[in-house]
Amino acid sequence: MKKLLLINPVGRRSGYMLSTVSRFPPLGLAYAAAVTPGDWDVKIVDENFGRSPVEEADLVGITAFTSSVGRAYEIAGQYRKEGVPVVMGGIHASMMPEEVLQYADAAVTGEVEGIWGTVIRDFEQGRLGGIYRGPVVDLENCRILPRRDLLHPDYLWQTIQTSRGCPFECSFCSVSRYLGKAYRQRTADSVLRELEGIPGKDIFFLDDNLIGYSEKSKSRALAIFQGMIDRGMNKRWWTQASINVADDEVLRLAARSGCSHFLIGFETTDAQTLRNMRKGINLKAGVGNFRDIIRRIHDHGIGVFGTFIIGNDGEAPEYYRELADFIISAGVDIIQITILTALPGTALMERMIQEDRLIHKNFPQDWEKFRLSFLTHNPENTTPERIYGGNNYIKRKLYSFPTFPYRMAKSFLSIRNPTNFRTILELNRALRRSWMNSHYYSRKKPKMPDEDT
């Protein structure tokens, strides 16, 4: 029997990624395993739980995000040195297949389910090589389920994906180029059947937007929530959603079906920056309505995981104070602050290349810096020092005394749901540990960027 190793590489390990509450299994590898012929012995090697030595194998498949692709190339080199062919896929391979072919025998772009059989067949016939472009999967009629039995058993959150694609083209995001602009969705019944087969209570819906963008997609989401209630699944779950999730009917059923919190990309509280990002759905909702949206979600006992991007052109020093004050006063329960990063396949990357604004261009070595916490391009009408200072200011403000306990008390009183609050508290502690373990951390009093004292 031939042996296939599917590897999830991990490069830099932060305090956040080391927490059991903030790690997620490599579902794409489980899908690749599911469409591998039955006469193969398949194993998933997951570096979220430590690095593994080189093993015997006939074929190796590796997935990678951009920030971990250096480690992926290192692993590929180790196996190719032993004469084992290597195939690479995932988001980075999909955006940079020609680069990947310098380090692997073949690159898979797009969705794996419809092309992996060809990859295996070509390997068996001795003609593996080049770029394999995965076709768009018809999710409504697809019956493939991931091989969860091969995933590491120590994950807290079990992941499930029910839709793919995004009709928007935010400048910093590559989802629409990776998975297409058409929003494709599985039927509610197929999702419910898969959910019933997932052991454990804790679920993360891996969708970029579980609710979708139309009445049809909203109805499907409601059917999933109602089905979870009717079948007595008793799951605790969370997901990513757009700002349009603040619909009372959606929130009511989401809460009853076990939703603990929604991750929402607010990105910024500055309308012009939203325009520059092409974040039209947030502009339509209106920056002035963000507080009301958060309140409406809280009214149903659900927390808000807000993501924000700093490092945009023209950010003034006072913006960081305003953003920190908004996060605290509006009651955002969990916060992710990232630095604007021009990732491969995004309109932002194309613009930075065209304007010759990339700071780090020694690829693939410099991909390690594209991890959303490191400035990778020259900003206009601001400075790197100001951006890093703003990052420090906001995080010190959020995680220091007395703001941190105040924020947690505010979350508890806002959602009035002890079970969901425990999840919120765990994630905040993980984020706080990550911040305190970073080289940016200081016990000094928070200071505005550009201040002398």
Protein backbone atom coordinates (compact mmCIF):
# COMPACT_ATOMS: atom_id res chain seq x y z
CA MET A 1 0.00 0.00 0.00
CA LYS A 2 1.36 3.43 -0.97
CA LYS A 3 1.75 6.03 1.78
CA LEU A 4 0.64 9.66 1.54
CA LEU A 5 1.72 12.23 4.10
CA LEU A 6 -0.33 15.43 4.30
CA ILE A 7 1.51 18.10 6.30
CA ASN A 8 0.33 21.26 8.04
CA PRO A 9 3.49 23.37 8.58
CA VAL A 10 3.80 25.95 11.33
CA GLY A 11 6.49 28.60 11.23
CA ARG A 12 6.56 31.26 13.94
CA ARG A 13 4.60 30.21 17.04
CA SER A 14 3.03 33.09 18.98
CA GLY A 15 1.37 32.93 22.39
CA TYR A 16 -2.02 33.19 20.69
CA MET A 17 -1.39 30.21 18.41
CA LEU A 18 -0.12 28.15 21.31
CA SER A 19 -3.47 28.41 23.09
CA THR A 20 -5.90 25.51 22.68
CA VAL A 21 -8.77 27.98 22.37
CA SER A 22 -7.29 29.66 19.27
CA ARG A 23 -5.99 26.78 17.13
CA PHE A 24 -7.93 25.14 14.34
CA PRO A 25 -7.44 21.83 12.50
CA PRO A 26 -6.28 21.84 8.85
CA LEU A 27 -9.62 21.01 7.27
CA GLY A 28 -8.26 21.32 3.73
CA LEU A 29 -5.93 18.38 4.34
CA ALA A 30 -8.85 16.34 5.65
CA TYR A 31 -10.69 17.05 2.39
CA ALA A 32 -7.63 15.97 0.37
CA ALA A 33 -7.53 12.77 2.41
CA ALA A 34 -11.22 12.18 1.70
CA VAL A 35 -10.70 12.15 -2.07
CA THR A 36 -7.54 10.02 -1.96
CA PRO A 37 -8.12 6.52 -3.39
CA GLY A 38 -8.77 3.79 -0.84
CA ASP A 39 -5.63 1.84 -1.69
CA TRP A 40 -3.49 4.58 -0.15
CA ASP A 41 -2.45 4.81 3.51
CA VAL A 42 -2.98 8.48 4.47
CA LYS A 43 -1.59 10.32 7.48
CA ILE A 44 -1.95 13.99 8.47
CA VAL A 45 1.12 15.49 10.17
CA ASP A 46 0.14 18.61 12.11
CA GLU A 47 2.86 20.94 13.37
CA ASN A 48 0.41 22.77 15.61
CA PHE A 49 1.41 20.01 18.02
CA GLY A 50 5.15 20.06 17.42
CA ARG A 51 7.54 19.36 14.60
CA SER A 52 7.86 15.81 13.32
CA PRO A 53 10.88 14.06 11.86
CA VAL A 54 10.99 13.07 8.20
CA GLU A 55 8.95 9.89 7.72
CA GLU A 56 8.85 7.28 5.03
CA ALA A 57 6.35 8.15 2.31
CA ASP A 58 5.65 7.67 -1.37
CA LEU A 59 4.12 11.14 -1.80
CA VAL A 60 3.90 14.27 0.35
CA GLY A 61 1.25 16.99 0.19
CA ILE A 62 1.80 20.27 2.03
CA THR A 63 -0.57 23.18 2.62
CA ALA A 64 0.63 26.63 3.69
CA PHE A 65 -0.39 30.15 4.49
CA THR A 66 1.94 32.87 3.22
CA SER A 67 3.53 33.47 6.63
CA SER A 68 4.37 29.76 7.05
CA VAL A 69 5.43 28.99 3.49
CA GLY A 70 9.11 29.22 4.43
CA ARG A 71 8.65 26.28 6.77
CA ALA A 72 6.66 24.50 4.03
CA TYR A 73 9.57 24.92 1.61
CA GLU A 74 11.97 23.62 4.26
CA ILE A 75 9.87 20.48 4.72
CA ALA A 76 9.54 20.06 0.95
CA GLY A 77 13.31 20.22 0.61
CA GLN A 78 13.82 17.53 3.24
CA TYR A 79 11.53 15.07 1.48
CA ARG A 80 12.73 15.85 -2.03
CA LYS A 81 16.28 15.25 -0.83
CA GLU A 82 15.10 11.73 0.06
CA GLY A 83 13.60 11.31 -3.40
CA VAL A 84 9.98 11.75 -2.29
CA PRO A 85 7.83 13.91 -4.65
CA VAL A 86 6.09 16.88 -3.05
CA VAL A 87 2.81 18.58 -3.96
CA MET A 88 1.91 21.95 -2.42
CA GLY A 89 -1.52 23.56 -2.16
CA GLY A 90 -3.45 26.05 -0.08
CA ILE A 91 -3.83 29.82 -0.31
CA HIS A 92 -0.17 30.68 -0.96
CA ALA A 93 0.25 28.03 -3.65
CA SER A 94 -2.97 29.25 -5.26
CA MET A 95 -1.69 32.82 -5.44
CA MET A 96 1.98 32.03 -6.18
CA PRO A 97 2.10 28.69 -8.07
CA GLU A 98 5.18 29.55 -10.13
CA GLU A 99 7.15 30.31 -6.98
CA VAL A 100 5.96 27.07 -5.38
CA LEU A 101 7.23 25.06 -8.36
CA GLN A 102 10.76 26.14 -7.46
CA TYR A 103 10.44 24.13 -4.24
CA ALA A 104 7.91 21.38 -5.02
CA ASP A 105 7.21 18.99 -7.87
CA ALA A 106 3.65 20.21 -8.35
CA ALA A 107 1.33 23.01 -7.21
CA VAL A 108 -2.42 22.76 -6.64
CA THR A 109 -4.43 25.96 -6.97
CA GLY A 110 -8.00 26.54 -5.84
CA GLU A 111 -10.22 23.83 -4.38
CA VAL A 112 -8.68 20.41 -3.94
CA GLU A 113 -11.69 18.08 -4.18
CA GLY A 114 -12.05 18.16 -7.96
CA ILE A 115 -8.37 17.89 -8.90
CA TRP A 116 -6.71 15.67 -6.29
CA GLY A 117 -7.70 12.48 -8.08
CA THR A 118 -5.80 13.72 -11.15
CA VAL A 119 -2.76 14.51 -9.01
CA ILE A 120 -2.74 10.98 -7.57
CA ARG A 121 -3.30 9.40 -10.98
CA ASP A 122 -0.45 11.39 -12.54
CA PHE A 123 1.84 10.34 -9.70
CA GLU A 124 0.93 6.69 -10.16
CA GLN A 125 1.61 6.96 -13.89
CA GLY A 126 4.93 8.71 -13.39
CA ARG A 127 3.96 12.08 -14.87
CA LEU A 128 3.39 14.24 -11.79
CA GLY A 129 4.39 17.85 -12.29
CA GLY A 130 3.38 21.42 -13.01
CA ILE A 131 0.29 23.34 -11.92
CA TYR A 132 -3.01 21.59 -11.21
CA ARG A 133 -5.94 24.00 -11.21
CA GLY A 134 -8.83 22.86 -9.04
CA PRO A 135 -12.27 23.45 -10.56
CA VAL A 136 -15.00 25.32 -8.71
CA VAL A 137 -16.89 22.78 -6.60
CA ASP A 138 -20.69 22.53 -6.85
CA LEU A 139 -21.27 22.60 -3.10
CA GLU A 140 -25.02 22.10 -3.37
CA ASN A 141 -24.54 18.64 -4.87
CA CYS A 142 -21.19 17.74 -3.30
CA ARG A 143 -21.31 14.83 -0.84
CA ILE A 144 -17.63 14.70 0.13
CA LEU A 145 -16.96 14.79 3.88
CA PRO A 146 -13.51 15.49 5.34
CA ARG A 147 -11.53 12.68 7.01
CA ARG A 148 -11.86 13.96 10.56
CA ASP A 149 -10.51 10.68 11.89
CA LEU A 150 -7.06 11.75 10.64
CA LEU A 151 -7.06 15.13 12.43
CA HIS A 152 -5.27 15.54 15.76
CA PRO A 153 -7.66 14.72 18.62
CA ASP A 154 -6.58 17.57 20.92
CA TYR A 155 -8.24 20.45 19.12
CA LEU A 156 -10.91 22.27 21.10
CA TRP A 157 -12.80 23.57 18.06
CA GLN A 158 -13.94 21.19 15.33
CA THR A 159 -14.32 23.01 12.03
CA ILE A 160 -16.97 22.70 9.34
CA GLN A 161 -17.30 24.63 6.07
CA THR A 162 -20.73 25.23 4.58
CA SER A 163 -20.08 27.89 1.91
CA ARG A 164 -17.33 29.29 -0.28
CA GLY A 165 -16.78 32.41 -2.31
CA CYS A 166 -17.31 36.12 -1.71
CA PRO A 167 -18.97 38.69 -3.99
CA PHE A 168 -16.84 41.52 -2.60
CA GLU A 169 -13.25 42.44 -3.40
CA CYS A 170 -11.85 44.15 -0.34
CA SER A 171 -8.40 45.44 -1.29
CA PHE A 172 -6.58 43.53 1.48
CA CYS A 173 -8.33 40.17 0.94
CA SER A 174 -7.77 37.38 -1.61
CA VAL A 175 -10.84 35.22 -0.88
CA SER A 176 -12.72 36.21 -4.03
CA ARG A 177 -9.67 35.41 -6.16
CA TYR A 178 -9.05 32.15 -4.33
CA LEU A 179 -12.62 30.80 -4.15
CA GLY A 180 -14.47 32.97 -6.66
CA LYS A 181 -16.96 35.81 -6.43
CA ALA A 182 -20.03 33.58 -6.54
CA TYR A 183 -21.32 32.70 -3.07
CA ARG A 184 -21.78 28.92 -3.17
CA GLN A 185 -23.49 27.05 -0.35
CA ARG A 186 -24.24 23.55 0.78
CA THR A 187 -27.81 22.59 1.59
CA ALA A 188 -28.91 22.96 5.19
CA ASP A 189 -29.67 19.24 5.36
CA SER A 190 -26.14 18.22 4.31
CA VAL A 191 -24.66 20.60 6.89
CA LEU A 192 -26.88 19.23 9.64
CA ARG A 193 -25.99 15.63 8.79
CA GLU A 194 -22.29 16.47 9.00
CA LEU A 195 -22.75 18.33 12.27
CA GLU A 196 -24.45 15.28 13.79
CA GLY A 197 -21.39 13.20 12.94
CA ILE A 198 -18.88 15.58 14.54
CA PRO A 199 -17.87 14.46 18.03
CA GLY A 200 -17.67 17.01 20.81
CA LYS A 201 -19.55 20.17 21.52
CA ASP A 202 -17.37 22.99 20.20
CA ILE A 203 -17.76 24.04 16.57
CA PHE A 204 -16.21 26.74 14.41
CA PHE A 205 -18.01 27.36 11.11
CA LEU A 206 -15.08 28.06 8.81
CA ASP A 207 -17.15 30.08 6.32
CA ASP A 208 -16.04 33.61 5.43
CA ASN A 209 -19.69 34.57 5.95
CA LEU A 210 -22.10 31.90 7.19
CA ILE A 211 -25.13 34.19 6.76
CA GLY A 212 -24.29 35.13 3.19
CA TYR A 213 -25.48 38.12 1.21
CA SER A 214 -29.00 37.36 0.00
CA GLU A 215 -32.41 36.29 1.24
CA LYS A 216 -31.69 32.79 -0.07
CA SER A 217 -28.46 32.48 1.92
CA LYS A 218 -30.11 33.98 4.99
CA SER A 219 -32.93 31.40 4.75
CA ARG A 220 -30.38 28.60 4.53
CA ALA A 221 -28.56 29.88 7.63
CA LEU A 222 -31.87 30.05 9.51
CA ALA A 223 -32.64 26.46 8.44
CA ILE A 224 -29.27 25.33 9.80
CA PHE A 225 -29.87 27.05 13.14
CA GLN A 226 -33.44 25.72 13.41
CA GLY A 227 -32.24 22.24 12.52
CA MET A 228 -29.60 22.35 15.26
CA ILE A 229 -32.33 23.31 17.72
CA ASP A 230 -34.84 20.71 16.52
CA ARG A 231 -32.26 17.92 16.59
CA GLY A 232 -31.08 18.86 20.08
CA MET A 233 -27.43 19.09 19.06
CA ASN A 234 -26.40 21.20 22.05
CA LYS A 235 -23.36 22.61 20.27
CA ARG A 236 -21.39 25.72 21.20
CA TRP A 237 -20.35 27.48 18.02
CA TRP A 238 -19.01 30.65 16.46
CA THR A 239 -18.28 31.89 12.98
CA GLN A 240 -17.20 34.78 10.80
CA ALA A 241 -19.92 37.07 9.54
CA SER A 242 -20.37 40.40 7.84
CA ILE A 243 -21.97 43.34 9.51
CA ASN A 244 -25.35 42.28 8.07
CA VAL A 245 -25.55 39.58 10.74
CA ALA A 246 -27.32 42.08 13.02
CA ASP A 247 -30.76 40.83 11.98
CA ASP A 248 -33.09 40.02 14.86
CA GLU A 249 -34.43 36.83 13.29
CA VAL A 250 -30.91 35.58 12.55
CA LEU A 251 -29.65 36.50 16.01
CA ARG A 252 -32.59 34.92 17.81
CA LEU A 253 -32.13 31.52 16.16
CA ALA A 254 -28.34 31.72 16.28
CA ALA A 255 -28.49 32.26 20.03
CA ARG A 256 -30.94 29.39 20.57
CA SER A 257 -28.76 27.04 18.51
CA GLY A 258 -25.66 27.73 20.64
CA CYS A 259 -23.82 30.69 19.07
CA SER A 260 -21.27 32.14 21.49
CA HIS A 261 -19.93 34.99 19.35
CA PHE A 262 -19.58 36.34 15.82
CA LEU A 263 -16.28 37.47 14.32
CA ILE A 264 -17.00 40.68 12.40
CA GLY A 265 -14.52 42.65 10.31
CA PHE A 266 -15.19 46.25 11.32
CA GLU A 267 -11.66 47.07 10.06
CA THR A 268 -11.75 50.78 10.92
CA THR A 269 -13.96 53.54 12.28
CA ASP A 270 -12.87 55.92 9.51
CA ALA A 271 -15.23 56.06 6.52
CA GLN A 272 -12.59 57.20 4.04
CA THR A 273 -10.34 54.30 4.99
CA LEU A 274 -13.27 51.94 4.43
CA ARG A 275 -13.63 53.40 0.94
CA ASN A 276 -9.94 52.84 0.28
CA MET A 277 -10.36 49.24 1.46
CA ARG A 278 -13.41 48.79 -0.82
CA LYS A 279 -15.34 47.61 2.24
CA GLY A 280 -18.71 48.56 0.79
CA ILE A 281 -20.90 46.50 3.12
CA ASN A 282 -19.54 48.39 6.14
CA LEU A 283 -19.95 51.73 4.40
CA LYS A 284 -23.55 50.86 3.62
CA ALA A 285 -24.20 50.03 7.29
CA GLY A 286 -22.48 53.27 8.32
CA VAL A 287 -19.66 53.77 10.80
CA GLY A 288 -22.08 55.68 13.00
CA ASN A 289 -24.20 52.54 13.36
CA PHE A 290 -21.42 50.23 14.57
CA ARG A 291 -22.35 50.73 18.23
CA ASP A 292 -25.99 49.88 17.59
CA ILE A 293 -25.00 46.74 15.67
CA ILE A 294 -22.88 45.58 18.63
CA ARG A 295 -25.71 46.33 21.05
CA ARG A 296 -28.24 44.36 19.00
CA ILE A 297 -25.95 41.33 18.95
CA HIS A 298 -25.40 41.64 22.71
CA ASP A 299 -29.15 41.82 23.28
CA HIS A 300 -29.34 38.19 22.17
CA GLY A 301 -26.58 37.05 24.54
CA ILE A 302 -23.99 36.74 21.76
CA GLY A 303 -20.49 38.22 21.93
CA VAL A 304 -18.72 40.29 19.29
CA PHE A 305 -15.20 39.43 18.10
CA GLY A 306 -14.20 42.61 16.28
CA THR A 307 -11.26 42.77 13.89
CA PHE A 308 -9.53 46.05 13.07
CA ILE A 309 -6.71 46.95 10.68
CA ILE A 310 -4.24 49.73 11.42
CA GLY A 311 -1.35 51.00 9.32
CA ASN A 312 -3.50 52.63 6.65
CA ASP A 313 -2.24 55.65 4.73
CA GLY A 314 -2.75 58.94 6.51
CA GLU A 315 -3.49 57.65 10.03
CA ALA A 316 -3.04 60.50 12.48
CA PRO A 317 -1.80 59.89 16.05
CA GLU A 318 -5.18 60.73 17.55
CA TYR A 319 -6.85 57.99 15.50
CA TYR A 320 -5.37 55.30 17.76
CA ARG A 321 -6.84 56.95 20.85
CA GLU A 322 -10.20 57.23 19.12
CA LEU A 323 -10.12 53.59 18.03
CA ALA A 324 -9.18 52.34 21.50
CA ASP A 325 -11.93 54.46 23.06
CA PHE A 326 -14.46 53.13 20.55
CA ILE A 327 -13.55 49.49 21.21
CA ILE A 328 -13.88 49.95 24.96
CA SER A 329 -16.99 52.13 25.05
CA ALA A 330 -18.85 50.17 22.35
CA GLY A 331 -18.21 46.95 24.24
CA VAL A 332 -16.37 44.90 21.60
CA ASP A 333 -15.84 41.69 23.57
CA ILE A 334 -12.83 40.18 21.77
CA ILE A 335 -10.43 42.23 19.67
CA GLN A 336 -7.98 41.43 16.94
CA ILE A 337 -5.72 44.28 15.84
CA THR A 338 -3.64 43.57 12.75
CA ILE A 339 -1.29 45.72 10.69
CA LEU A 340 -2.29 46.25 7.06
CA THR A 341 -0.42 43.64 5.04
CA ALA A 342 -0.20 43.31 1.27
CA LEU A 343 -0.72 39.57 0.83
CA PRO A 344 -0.23 37.77 -2.50
CA GLY A 345 -3.29 37.81 -4.73
CA THR A 346 -4.76 41.00 -3.27
CA ALA A 347 -5.39 44.30 -5.00
CA LEU A 348 -3.34 45.87 -2.21
CA MET A 349 -0.29 43.81 -3.17
CA GLU A 350 -0.70 44.76 -6.82
CA ARG A 351 -0.85 48.44 -5.89
CA MET A 352 2.17 48.24 -3.58
CA ILE A 353 4.20 46.58 -6.33
CA GLN A 354 3.07 49.12 -8.91
CA GLU A 355 3.93 52.02 -6.60
CA ASP A 356 7.20 50.36 -5.49
CA ARG A 357 6.19 50.60 -1.82
CA LEU A 358 7.08 47.12 -0.60
CA ILE A 359 9.74 47.23 2.11
CA HIS A 360 10.53 43.51 2.05
CA LYS A 361 10.96 41.92 -1.38
CA ASN A 362 13.48 39.15 -0.81
CA PHE A 363 11.10 36.26 -1.40
CA PRO A 364 10.52 33.62 -0.26
CA GLN A 365 12.61 34.49 2.83
CA ASP A 366 10.63 37.66 3.53
CA TRP A 367 7.21 35.94 3.41
CA GLU A 368 7.72 35.19 7.10
CA LYS A 369 7.25 38.90 7.77
CA PHE A 370 3.80 38.89 6.11
CA ARG A 371 2.10 37.72 9.30
CA LEU A 372 -0.23 40.70 9.92
CA SER A 373 1.81 42.07 12.82
CA PHE A 374 4.72 43.48 10.81
CA LEU A 375 4.75 46.49 8.50
CA THR A 376 5.69 45.26 5.02
CA HIS A 377 5.18 48.39 2.90
CA ASN A 378 5.97 52.09 3.12
CA PRO A 379 2.86 53.95 4.35
CA GLU A 380 1.95 57.38 2.99
CA ASN A 381 1.38 60.42 5.20
CA THR A 382 2.37 58.53 8.33
CA THR A 383 5.41 56.67 9.61
CA PRO A 384 6.24 53.11 10.67
CA GLU A 385 7.10 54.45 14.13
CA ARG A 386 3.64 55.97 14.45
CA ILE A 387 1.92 52.76 13.33
CA TYR A 388 3.89 50.55 15.72
CA GLY A 389 3.32 53.11 18.46
CA GLY A 390 -0.41 53.05 17.74
CA ASN A 391 -0.42 49.25 17.86
CA ASN A 392 1.34 49.33 21.22
CA TYR A 393 -0.93 52.04 22.58
CA ILE A 394 -4.16 50.23 21.72
CA LYS A 395 -3.06 46.85 23.05
CA ARG A 396 -1.63 48.26 26.26
CA LYS A 397 -4.87 50.14 26.74
CA LEU A 398 -7.00 47.03 26.15
CA TYR A 399 -5.02 44.56 28.23
CA SER A 400 -3.69 46.62 31.14
CA PHE A 401 -5.29 47.38 34.52
CA PRO A 402 -7.90 48.71 35.05
CA THR A 403 -9.22 48.51 31.47
CA PHE A 404 -8.91 44.75 31.05
CA PRO A 405 -11.08 43.79 34.06
CA TYR A 406 -13.46 46.64 33.18
CA ARG A 407 -13.86 45.27 29.65
CA MET A 408 -14.53 41.76 30.93
CA ALA A 409 -17.11 43.00 33.43
CA LYS A 410 -18.77 45.05 30.68
CA SER A 411 -18.92 41.96 28.42
CA PHE A 412 -20.48 39.86 31.16
CA LEU A 413 -23.15 42.47 31.86
CA SER A 414 -23.80 43.09 28.15
CA ILE A 415 -24.39 39.50 27.03
CA ARG A 416 -25.74 38.11 30.32
CA ASN A 417 -24.83 34.57 29.29
CA PRO A 418 -22.31 32.83 31.60
CA THR A 419 -21.53 30.05 29.08
CA ASN A 420 -20.75 32.45 26.26
CA PHE A 421 -18.84 34.74 28.60
CA ARG A 422 -16.49 31.89 29.54
CA THR A 423 -15.55 31.52 25.86
CA ILE A 424 -15.03 35.27 25.56
CA LEU A 425 -12.86 35.32 28.67
CA GLU A 426 -10.74 32.39 27.42
CA LEU A 427 -10.09 34.08 24.07
CA ASN A 428 -9.23 37.38 25.76
CA ARG A 429 -6.76 35.65 28.04
CA ALA A 430 -5.14 33.98 25.01
CA LEU A 431 -4.86 37.31 23.20
CA ARG A 432 -3.53 39.00 26.33
CA ARG A 433 -0.87 36.29 26.76
CA SER A 434 0.11 36.71 23.13
CA TRP A 435 0.55 40.44 23.64
CA MET A 436 2.52 40.01 26.87
CA ASN A 437 4.79 37.44 25.19
CA SER A 438 5.51 39.69 22.21
CA HIS A 439 8.61 41.84 21.91
CA TYR A 440 6.34 44.90 21.79
CA TYR A 441 5.13 44.38 25.36
CA SER A 442 6.10 46.87 28.04
CA ARG A 443 4.79 47.53 31.52
CA LYS A 444 5.03 51.27 30.91
CA LYS A 445 1.90 53.40 30.98
CA PRO A 446 0.17 53.53 27.58
CA LYS A 447 1.39 56.49 25.56
CA MET A 448 0.03 58.05 22.40
CA PRO A 449 2.33 57.68 19.36
CA ASP A 450 4.28 60.85 18.56
CA GLU A 451 4.16 61.93 22.23
CA ASP A 452 7.46 62.78 23.85
CA THR A 453 6.43 61.85 27.37
